[in-house]
N, C-alpha and C. Protein backbone atom coordinates (compact mmCIF):
# COMPACT_ATOMS: atom_id res chain seq x y z
N MET A 1 -0.92 -13.17 -6.81
CA MET A 1 -0.65 -11.82 -6.37
C MET A 1 -0.01 -11.06 -7.52
N GLY A 2 -0.34 -9.80 -7.66
CA GLY A 2 0.16 -8.98 -8.75
C GLY A 2 1.51 -8.35 -8.43
N LEU A 3 2.07 -7.75 -9.44
CA LEU A 3 3.33 -7.04 -9.30
C LEU A 3 3.06 -5.56 -9.11
N LEU A 4 4.06 -4.85 -8.60
CA LEU A 4 3.92 -3.41 -8.45
C LEU A 4 3.92 -2.73 -9.81
N LEU A 5 3.24 -1.63 -9.89
CA LEU A 5 3.11 -0.88 -11.12
C LEU A 5 4.37 -0.05 -11.36
N SER A 6 4.94 -0.16 -12.58
CA SER A 6 6.12 0.65 -12.90
C SER A 6 5.68 2.08 -13.21
N LEU A 7 6.63 3.00 -13.18
CA LEU A 7 6.33 4.39 -13.47
C LEU A 7 5.80 4.56 -14.90
N ALA A 8 6.40 3.85 -15.84
CA ALA A 8 5.95 3.94 -17.24
C ALA A 8 4.52 3.44 -17.40
N ASN A 9 4.19 2.32 -16.76
CA ASN A 9 2.81 1.81 -16.83
C ASN A 9 1.83 2.73 -16.12
N MET A 10 2.27 3.34 -15.04
CA MET A 10 1.41 4.26 -14.31
C MET A 10 1.09 5.48 -15.17
N ILE A 11 2.12 6.02 -15.84
CA ILE A 11 1.89 7.17 -16.72
C ILE A 11 0.99 6.78 -17.88
N LEU A 12 1.25 5.63 -18.49
CA LEU A 12 0.42 5.15 -19.59
C LEU A 12 -1.02 4.98 -19.14
N ARG A 13 -1.21 4.38 -17.97
CA ARG A 13 -2.56 4.11 -17.47
C ARG A 13 -3.31 5.39 -17.14
N GLU A 14 -2.67 6.31 -16.44
CA GLU A 14 -3.37 7.50 -15.96
C GLU A 14 -3.45 8.62 -17.01
N VAL A 15 -2.32 8.92 -17.65
CA VAL A 15 -2.30 10.04 -18.59
C VAL A 15 -2.98 9.68 -19.90
N VAL A 16 -2.59 8.57 -20.49
CA VAL A 16 -3.16 8.18 -21.77
C VAL A 16 -4.54 7.55 -21.59
N GLY A 17 -4.63 6.56 -20.70
CA GLY A 17 -5.89 5.83 -20.53
C GLY A 17 -7.01 6.63 -19.92
N ASN A 18 -6.71 7.42 -18.91
CA ASN A 18 -7.76 8.19 -18.24
C ASN A 18 -7.89 9.60 -18.77
N GLY A 19 -6.79 10.24 -19.08
CA GLY A 19 -6.83 11.65 -19.46
C GLY A 19 -6.99 11.90 -20.94
N LEU A 20 -5.98 11.52 -21.70
CA LEU A 20 -5.94 11.82 -23.12
C LEU A 20 -7.06 11.14 -23.89
N LEU A 21 -7.31 9.90 -23.61
CA LEU A 21 -8.35 9.15 -24.33
C LEU A 21 -9.74 9.76 -24.07
N VAL A 22 -10.02 10.15 -22.86
CA VAL A 22 -11.32 10.78 -22.53
C VAL A 22 -11.43 12.12 -23.26
N TYR A 23 -10.36 12.86 -23.29
CA TYR A 23 -10.36 14.17 -23.96
C TYR A 23 -10.58 14.03 -25.47
N VAL A 24 -9.86 13.11 -26.10
CA VAL A 24 -9.94 12.92 -27.55
C VAL A 24 -11.30 12.40 -27.98
N THR A 25 -11.90 11.53 -27.18
CA THR A 25 -13.18 10.93 -27.56
C THR A 25 -14.38 11.68 -26.97
N PHE A 26 -14.12 12.88 -26.44
CA PHE A 26 -15.18 13.73 -25.87
C PHE A 26 -15.96 13.02 -24.76
N GLY A 27 -15.30 12.18 -23.98
CA GLY A 27 -15.91 11.52 -22.84
C GLY A 27 -16.58 10.19 -23.14
N ILE A 28 -16.67 9.84 -24.43
CA ILE A 28 -17.32 8.58 -24.78
C ILE A 28 -16.55 7.39 -24.21
N SER A 29 -15.23 7.46 -24.22
CA SER A 29 -14.42 6.35 -23.70
C SER A 29 -14.66 6.15 -22.21
N LEU A 30 -14.99 7.20 -21.49
CA LEU A 30 -15.29 7.07 -20.07
C LEU A 30 -16.56 6.24 -19.86
N LEU A 31 -17.56 6.48 -20.69
CA LEU A 31 -18.79 5.69 -20.61
C LEU A 31 -18.55 4.25 -21.01
N VAL A 32 -17.76 4.05 -22.08
CA VAL A 32 -17.44 2.70 -22.52
C VAL A 32 -16.67 1.96 -21.43
N SER A 33 -15.73 2.64 -20.80
CA SER A 33 -14.95 2.03 -19.73
C SER A 33 -15.82 1.64 -18.54
N ALA A 34 -16.77 2.49 -18.19
CA ALA A 34 -17.67 2.18 -17.08
C ALA A 34 -18.53 0.96 -17.41
N ILE A 35 -19.01 0.88 -18.63
CA ILE A 35 -19.79 -0.30 -19.05
C ILE A 35 -18.93 -1.54 -19.03
N MET A 36 -17.68 -1.43 -19.46
CA MET A 36 -16.79 -2.58 -19.45
C MET A 36 -16.56 -3.08 -18.04
N VAL A 37 -16.38 -2.18 -17.09
CA VAL A 37 -16.17 -2.57 -15.69
C VAL A 37 -17.39 -3.29 -15.15
N LEU A 38 -18.57 -2.86 -15.54
CA LEU A 38 -19.79 -3.49 -15.07
C LEU A 38 -20.05 -4.85 -15.71
N VAL A 39 -19.64 -5.00 -16.97
CA VAL A 39 -19.99 -6.20 -17.74
C VAL A 39 -18.91 -7.27 -17.73
N MET A 40 -17.65 -6.85 -17.86
CA MET A 40 -16.57 -7.83 -18.00
C MET A 40 -16.32 -8.58 -16.68
N GLU A 41 -15.95 -9.82 -16.82
CA GLU A 41 -15.72 -10.67 -15.66
C GLU A 41 -14.54 -10.21 -14.81
N ASP A 42 -13.47 -9.73 -15.44
CA ASP A 42 -12.28 -9.31 -14.69
C ASP A 42 -12.33 -7.85 -14.26
N ARG A 43 -13.42 -7.14 -14.56
CA ARG A 43 -13.66 -5.76 -14.10
C ARG A 43 -12.57 -4.77 -14.53
N ARG A 44 -12.05 -4.94 -15.76
CA ARG A 44 -11.01 -4.05 -16.27
C ARG A 44 -11.62 -3.00 -17.19
N GLY A 45 -11.21 -1.78 -17.01
CA GLY A 45 -11.65 -0.69 -17.87
C GLY A 45 -10.68 -0.48 -19.01
N LEU A 46 -10.96 0.50 -19.87
CA LEU A 46 -10.08 0.79 -20.99
C LEU A 46 -8.67 1.14 -20.55
N HIS A 47 -8.55 1.92 -19.47
CA HIS A 47 -7.23 2.31 -19.00
C HIS A 47 -6.42 1.10 -18.55
N ASP A 48 -7.08 0.08 -18.01
CA ASP A 48 -6.38 -1.15 -17.63
C ASP A 48 -5.96 -1.95 -18.85
N LEU A 49 -6.84 -2.04 -19.84
CA LEU A 49 -6.51 -2.78 -21.04
C LEU A 49 -5.37 -2.12 -21.82
N ILE A 50 -5.37 -0.79 -21.87
CA ILE A 50 -4.31 -0.06 -22.58
C ILE A 50 -2.95 -0.28 -21.93
N SER A 51 -2.90 -0.24 -20.62
CA SER A 51 -1.62 -0.36 -19.92
C SER A 51 -1.28 -1.79 -19.52
N GLY A 52 -2.21 -2.73 -19.71
CA GLY A 52 -1.94 -4.11 -19.34
C GLY A 52 -1.96 -4.35 -17.85
N THR A 53 -2.76 -3.56 -17.12
CA THR A 53 -2.83 -3.68 -15.66
C THR A 53 -4.19 -4.20 -15.21
N TYR A 54 -4.25 -4.57 -13.96
CA TYR A 54 -5.51 -4.94 -13.31
C TYR A 54 -5.37 -4.69 -11.81
N VAL A 55 -6.48 -4.55 -11.16
CA VAL A 55 -6.48 -4.27 -9.72
C VAL A 55 -6.47 -5.59 -8.97
N VAL A 56 -5.63 -5.67 -7.95
CA VAL A 56 -5.53 -6.86 -7.12
C VAL A 56 -6.01 -6.49 -5.72
N TYR A 57 -6.97 -7.20 -5.21
CA TYR A 57 -7.49 -6.98 -3.86
C TYR A 57 -6.85 -8.01 -2.93
N SER A 58 -6.15 -7.54 -1.91
CA SER A 58 -5.55 -8.46 -0.95
C SER A 58 -6.40 -8.50 0.31
N ARG A 59 -6.36 -9.64 0.97
CA ARG A 59 -7.15 -9.82 2.19
C ARG A 59 -6.26 -9.89 3.38
């Protein structure tokens, strides 16, 4: 089971990973992230790798 996301990691993940990176790379990072989610075994995108997070599904 994973840990809760801290405020600093949340800001890093959303602002830098999803917002700033997409803006700076003119959207290319969004495409790369989508491909990574489809191809990688752990389904982590660039925003997850940048912030060191991953999604945990509970049952």
